[in-house]
Structures are given as C-alpha cells and as structure tokens.
Amino acid sequence: MGKSIYVGNLPFTSSENDVRDMFTAYGEVQSVNLIMDRETGRPRGFGFVEMSESDASKAIQELNGKDMGGRALRVNFAEEKPQRSNRY
C-alpha cells in the first residue's frame, strides 16, 4: 500500500491526468483523486495522490512550491482524517 500525498492550491482547470503526469516523473502513481464540490461539481483546488513512500518523498521534495498554472503548489504527506464521534 502506498503513501497518500496531499496536493493543494491546484489550478481549478487541472485534471486527474495533469496531476498524474506531473507526479509520474518521480515514480509510479497508484491513484489520483481530485476533490470536487458536491453542490457545483467543480474542482475544489486540491486532491490526493498515492505513491510508494520513497517515490512520494521525492515528489514532495521536488513539487512543493512548484508553479502550476500560475499557482504555487502545496505538496506534503496527507494526514489521517480524525475519527468522528457519533455523539449529539
């Protein structure tokens, strides 16, 4: 299983293929998931890429702060989502 990488500040015109192509230069990309707004169906400007840990480290080092479509990317290891409690 690979490590999940958070990719933020993506141009809203970015496609999963654009992101996959950018990360493929640093190793095998297992998956790409761009987050869409539930109501509008438009991209929200961030997503997640899954790669092996060593490839992920290389990609983060090289791509964090890199310009894509006039925006400086924020790239780092994704943090686990905290578990929600079902208390009311």
N, C-alpha and C. Protein backbone atom coordinates (compact mmCIF):
# COMPACT_ATOMS: atom_id res chain seq x y z
N MET A 1 0.84 -1.19 0.00
CA MET A 1 0.00 0.00 0.00
C MET A 1 0.88 1.24 0.00
N GLY A 2 0.48 2.26 -0.76
CA GLY A 2 1.28 3.46 -0.89
C GLY A 2 0.98 4.51 0.16
N LYS A 3 1.73 5.59 0.10
CA LYS A 3 1.52 6.73 0.97
C LYS A 3 0.65 7.74 0.24
N SER A 4 -0.23 8.38 0.98
CA SER A 4 -1.12 9.38 0.41
C SER A 4 -0.46 10.76 0.52
N ILE A 5 -0.47 11.48 -0.59
CA ILE A 5 0.12 12.82 -0.67
C ILE A 5 -1.00 13.82 -0.88
N TYR A 6 -1.01 14.89 -0.08
CA TYR A 6 -1.95 15.99 -0.26
C TYR A 6 -1.36 16.95 -1.29
N VAL A 7 -2.17 17.36 -2.27
CA VAL A 7 -1.74 18.32 -3.28
C VAL A 7 -2.75 19.47 -3.24
N GLY A 8 -2.30 20.62 -2.77
CA GLY A 8 -3.20 21.77 -2.62
C GLY A 8 -2.81 22.92 -3.53
N ASN A 9 -3.73 23.85 -3.66
CA ASN A 9 -3.57 25.06 -4.47
C ASN A 9 -3.45 24.73 -5.95
N LEU A 10 -4.13 23.65 -6.37
CA LEU A 10 -4.16 23.29 -7.79
C LEU A 10 -5.00 24.28 -8.57
N PRO A 11 -4.62 24.57 -9.82
CA PRO A 11 -5.49 25.38 -10.67
C PRO A 11 -6.82 24.64 -10.84
N PHE A 12 -7.91 25.37 -10.87
CA PHE A 12 -9.23 24.75 -10.97
C PHE A 12 -9.44 24.05 -12.31
N THR A 13 -8.55 24.31 -13.27
CA THR A 13 -8.65 23.67 -14.58
C THR A 13 -7.89 22.34 -14.64
N SER A 14 -7.20 21.97 -13.55
CA SER A 14 -6.40 20.74 -13.53
C SER A 14 -7.28 19.50 -13.63
N SER A 15 -6.78 18.52 -14.39
CA SER A 15 -7.48 17.24 -14.48
C SER A 15 -6.65 16.19 -13.73
N GLU A 16 -7.27 15.02 -13.49
CA GLU A 16 -6.52 13.93 -12.85
C GLU A 16 -5.32 13.55 -13.70
N ASN A 17 -5.47 13.57 -15.03
CA ASN A 17 -4.34 13.24 -15.91
C ASN A 17 -3.21 14.25 -15.78
N ASP A 18 -3.53 15.54 -15.65
CA ASP A 18 -2.50 16.57 -15.47
C ASP A 18 -1.67 16.27 -14.21
N VAL A 19 -2.37 15.97 -13.13
CA VAL A 19 -1.70 15.71 -11.86
C VAL A 19 -0.90 14.41 -11.94
N ARG A 20 -1.49 13.37 -12.53
CA ARG A 20 -0.80 12.08 -12.69
C ARG A 20 0.49 12.27 -13.50
N ASP A 21 0.41 13.01 -14.61
CA ASP A 21 1.59 13.24 -15.45
C ASP A 21 2.70 13.95 -14.67
N MET A 22 2.34 14.92 -13.84
CA MET A 22 3.32 15.67 -13.08
C MET A 22 4.03 14.76 -12.07
N PHE A 23 3.29 13.89 -11.40
CA PHE A 23 3.86 13.02 -10.37
C PHE A 23 4.59 11.81 -10.94
N THR A 24 4.23 11.38 -12.15
CA THR A 24 4.86 10.20 -12.76
C THR A 24 6.36 10.39 -12.96
N ALA A 25 6.81 11.63 -13.06
CA ALA A 25 8.25 11.89 -13.21
C ALA A 25 9.04 11.42 -11.99
N TYR A 26 8.36 11.18 -10.86
CA TYR A 26 9.04 10.81 -9.61
C TYR A 26 8.76 9.37 -9.19
N GLY A 27 8.01 8.63 -10.00
CA GLY A 27 7.75 7.23 -9.69
C GLY A 27 6.36 6.82 -10.13
N GLU A 28 6.00 5.59 -9.79
CA GLU A 28 4.70 5.05 -10.19
C GLU A 28 3.58 5.63 -9.34
N VAL A 29 2.59 6.19 -10.02
CA VAL A 29 1.42 6.75 -9.34
C VAL A 29 0.36 5.66 -9.25
N GLN A 30 -0.05 5.34 -8.02
CA GLN A 30 -1.06 4.30 -7.82
C GLN A 30 -2.47 4.83 -8.00
N SER A 31 -2.71 6.07 -7.56
CA SER A 31 -4.04 6.66 -7.75
C SER A 31 -3.97 8.17 -7.63
N VAL A 32 -4.96 8.84 -8.25
CA VAL A 32 -5.13 10.28 -8.16
C VAL A 32 -6.61 10.52 -7.87
N ASN A 33 -6.88 11.38 -6.90
CA ASN A 33 -8.26 11.69 -6.55
C ASN A 33 -8.38 13.20 -6.32
N LEU A 34 -8.97 13.91 -7.29
CA LEU A 34 -9.20 15.33 -7.13
C LEU A 34 -10.56 15.51 -6.46
N ILE A 35 -10.62 16.41 -5.50
CA ILE A 35 -11.85 16.62 -4.73
C ILE A 35 -12.74 17.63 -5.44
N MET A 36 -14.00 17.25 -5.61
CA MET A 36 -14.98 18.10 -6.29
C MET A 36 -16.00 18.65 -5.28
N ASP A 37 -16.51 19.83 -5.56
CA ASP A 37 -17.57 20.41 -4.74
C ASP A 37 -18.85 19.61 -4.96
N ARG A 38 -19.48 19.18 -3.89
CA ARG A 38 -20.69 18.36 -4.01
C ARG A 38 -21.83 19.08 -4.70
N GLU A 39 -21.95 20.38 -4.45
CA GLU A 39 -23.10 21.12 -4.99
C GLU A 39 -22.90 21.58 -6.42
N THR A 40 -21.69 22.04 -6.74
CA THR A 40 -21.46 22.59 -8.08
C THR A 40 -20.82 21.60 -9.03
N GLY A 41 -20.16 20.55 -8.49
CA GLY A 41 -19.47 19.59 -9.34
C GLY A 41 -18.15 20.11 -9.87
N ARG A 42 -17.73 21.28 -9.41
CA ARG A 42 -16.46 21.88 -9.85
C ARG A 42 -15.33 21.44 -8.94
N PRO A 43 -14.11 21.43 -9.48
CA PRO A 43 -12.94 21.08 -8.65
C PRO A 43 -12.77 22.09 -7.51
N ARG A 44 -12.32 21.60 -6.35
CA ARG A 44 -12.11 22.47 -5.19
C ARG A 44 -10.66 22.95 -5.07
N GLY A 45 -9.79 22.51 -5.99
CA GLY A 45 -8.41 23.00 -5.99
C GLY A 45 -7.45 22.18 -5.16
N PHE A 46 -7.87 20.98 -4.75
CA PHE A 46 -6.94 20.10 -4.05
C PHE A 46 -7.31 18.66 -4.30
N GLY A 47 -6.38 17.78 -3.96
CA GLY A 47 -6.62 16.36 -4.17
C GLY A 47 -5.55 15.53 -3.50
N PHE A 48 -5.54 14.24 -3.81
CA PHE A 48 -4.62 13.30 -3.20
C PHE A 48 -4.03 12.39 -4.26
N VAL A 49 -2.75 12.09 -4.09
CA VAL A 49 -2.03 11.19 -4.98
C VAL A 49 -1.45 10.08 -4.10
N GLU A 50 -1.50 8.85 -4.58
CA GLU A 50 -0.92 7.74 -3.82
C GLU A 50 0.26 7.17 -4.59
N MET A 51 1.41 7.05 -3.87
CA MET A 51 2.65 6.52 -4.44
C MET A 51 3.37 5.73 -3.35
N SER A 52 4.42 5.00 -3.73
CA SER A 52 5.24 4.33 -2.72
C SER A 52 5.90 5.42 -1.86
N GLU A 53 6.29 5.05 -0.65
CA GLU A 53 6.81 6.05 0.28
C GLU A 53 8.07 6.75 -0.24
N SER A 54 9.00 6.00 -0.84
CA SER A 54 10.23 6.64 -1.33
C SER A 54 9.94 7.56 -2.50
N ASP A 55 9.05 7.13 -3.42
CA ASP A 55 8.68 8.00 -4.55
C ASP A 55 7.92 9.22 -4.05
N ALA A 56 7.06 9.02 -3.06
CA ALA A 56 6.28 10.13 -2.51
C ALA A 56 7.20 11.18 -1.90
N SER A 57 8.21 10.74 -1.17
CA SER A 57 9.16 11.69 -0.55
C SER A 57 9.87 12.51 -1.61
N LYS A 58 10.29 11.85 -2.69
CA LYS A 58 10.96 12.56 -3.80
C LYS A 58 10.02 13.58 -4.42
N ALA A 59 8.79 13.16 -4.70
CA ALA A 59 7.81 14.04 -5.34
C ALA A 59 7.51 15.26 -4.46
N ILE A 60 7.34 15.03 -3.17
CA ILE A 60 7.05 16.14 -2.24
C ILE A 60 8.20 17.13 -2.26
N GLN A 61 9.42 16.62 -2.17
CA GLN A 61 10.60 17.48 -2.15
C GLN A 61 10.69 18.33 -3.42
N GLU A 62 10.40 17.73 -4.57
CA GLU A 62 10.54 18.43 -5.84
C GLU A 62 9.36 19.33 -6.20
N LEU A 63 8.14 18.94 -5.81
CA LEU A 63 6.95 19.64 -6.29
C LEU A 63 6.38 20.67 -5.32
N ASN A 64 6.71 20.60 -4.04
CA ASN A 64 6.17 21.58 -3.10
C ASN A 64 6.67 22.97 -3.46
N GLY A 65 5.76 23.88 -3.71
CA GLY A 65 6.10 25.25 -4.09
C GLY A 65 6.25 25.45 -5.58
N LYS A 66 6.23 24.36 -6.36
CA LYS A 66 6.37 24.48 -7.81
C LYS A 66 5.15 25.17 -8.42
N ASP A 67 5.38 25.96 -9.44
CA ASP A 67 4.30 26.68 -10.11
C ASP A 67 3.55 25.76 -11.07
N MET A 68 2.23 25.79 -10.98
CA MET A 68 1.37 25.08 -11.92
C MET A 68 0.22 26.01 -12.27
N GLY A 69 0.18 26.45 -13.50
CA GLY A 69 -0.89 27.34 -13.93
C GLY A 69 -0.94 28.65 -13.16
N GLY A 70 0.23 29.14 -12.75
CA GLY A 70 0.29 30.41 -12.03
C GLY A 70 0.04 30.29 -10.53
N ARG A 71 -0.04 29.07 -10.03
CA ARG A 71 -0.28 28.86 -8.59
C ARG A 71 0.85 28.02 -8.01
N ALA A 72 1.32 28.38 -6.82
CA ALA A 72 2.37 27.62 -6.14
C ALA A 72 1.72 26.44 -5.42
N LEU A 73 2.09 25.24 -5.82
CA LEU A 73 1.50 24.04 -5.24
C LEU A 73 1.94 23.85 -3.79
N ARG A 74 1.03 23.28 -2.99
CA ARG A 74 1.36 22.83 -1.63
C ARG A 74 1.29 21.31 -1.67
N VAL A 75 2.43 20.67 -1.45
CA VAL A 75 2.51 19.21 -1.56
C VAL A 75 3.16 18.67 -0.29
N ASN A 76 2.47 17.77 0.41
CA ASN A 76 3.01 17.14 1.61
C ASN A 76 2.27 15.83 1.89
N PHE A 77 2.80 15.05 2.83
CA PHE A 77 2.11 13.81 3.18
C PHE A 77 0.75 14.15 3.74
N ALA A 78 -0.26 13.41 3.31
CA ALA A 78 -1.62 13.63 3.80
C ALA A 78 -1.70 13.13 5.23
N GLU A 79 -2.49 13.84 6.03
CA GLU A 79 -2.71 13.42 7.41
C GLU A 79 -3.98 12.59 7.48
N GLU A 80 -3.99 11.62 8.37
CA GLU A 80 -5.19 10.80 8.54
C GLU A 80 -6.33 11.67 9.05
N LYS A 81 -7.50 11.42 8.52
CA LYS A 81 -8.68 12.14 8.97
C LYS A 81 -9.04 11.68 10.38
N PRO A 82 -9.27 12.60 11.31
CA PRO A 82 -9.64 12.16 12.66
C PRO A 82 -11.00 11.47 12.64
N GLN A 83 -11.14 10.47 13.48
CA GLN A 83 -12.42 9.76 13.57
C GLN A 83 -13.46 10.67 14.20
N ARG A 84 -14.64 10.70 13.60
CA ARG A 84 -15.73 11.48 14.17
C ARG A 84 -16.47 10.65 15.20
N SER A 85 -16.88 11.30 16.26
CA SER A 85 -17.70 10.56 17.22
C SER A 85 -19.15 10.79 16.84
N ASN A 86 -19.99 9.86 17.20
CA ASN A 86 -21.41 9.96 16.84
C ASN A 86 -22.24 10.54 17.98
N ARG A 87 -21.60 11.35 18.80
CA ARG A 87 -22.33 11.98 19.91
C ARG A 87 -23.11 13.17 19.40
N TYR A 88 -24.26 13.36 19.98
CA TYR A 88 -25.12 14.51 19.60
C TYR A 88 -25.20 15.51 20.71
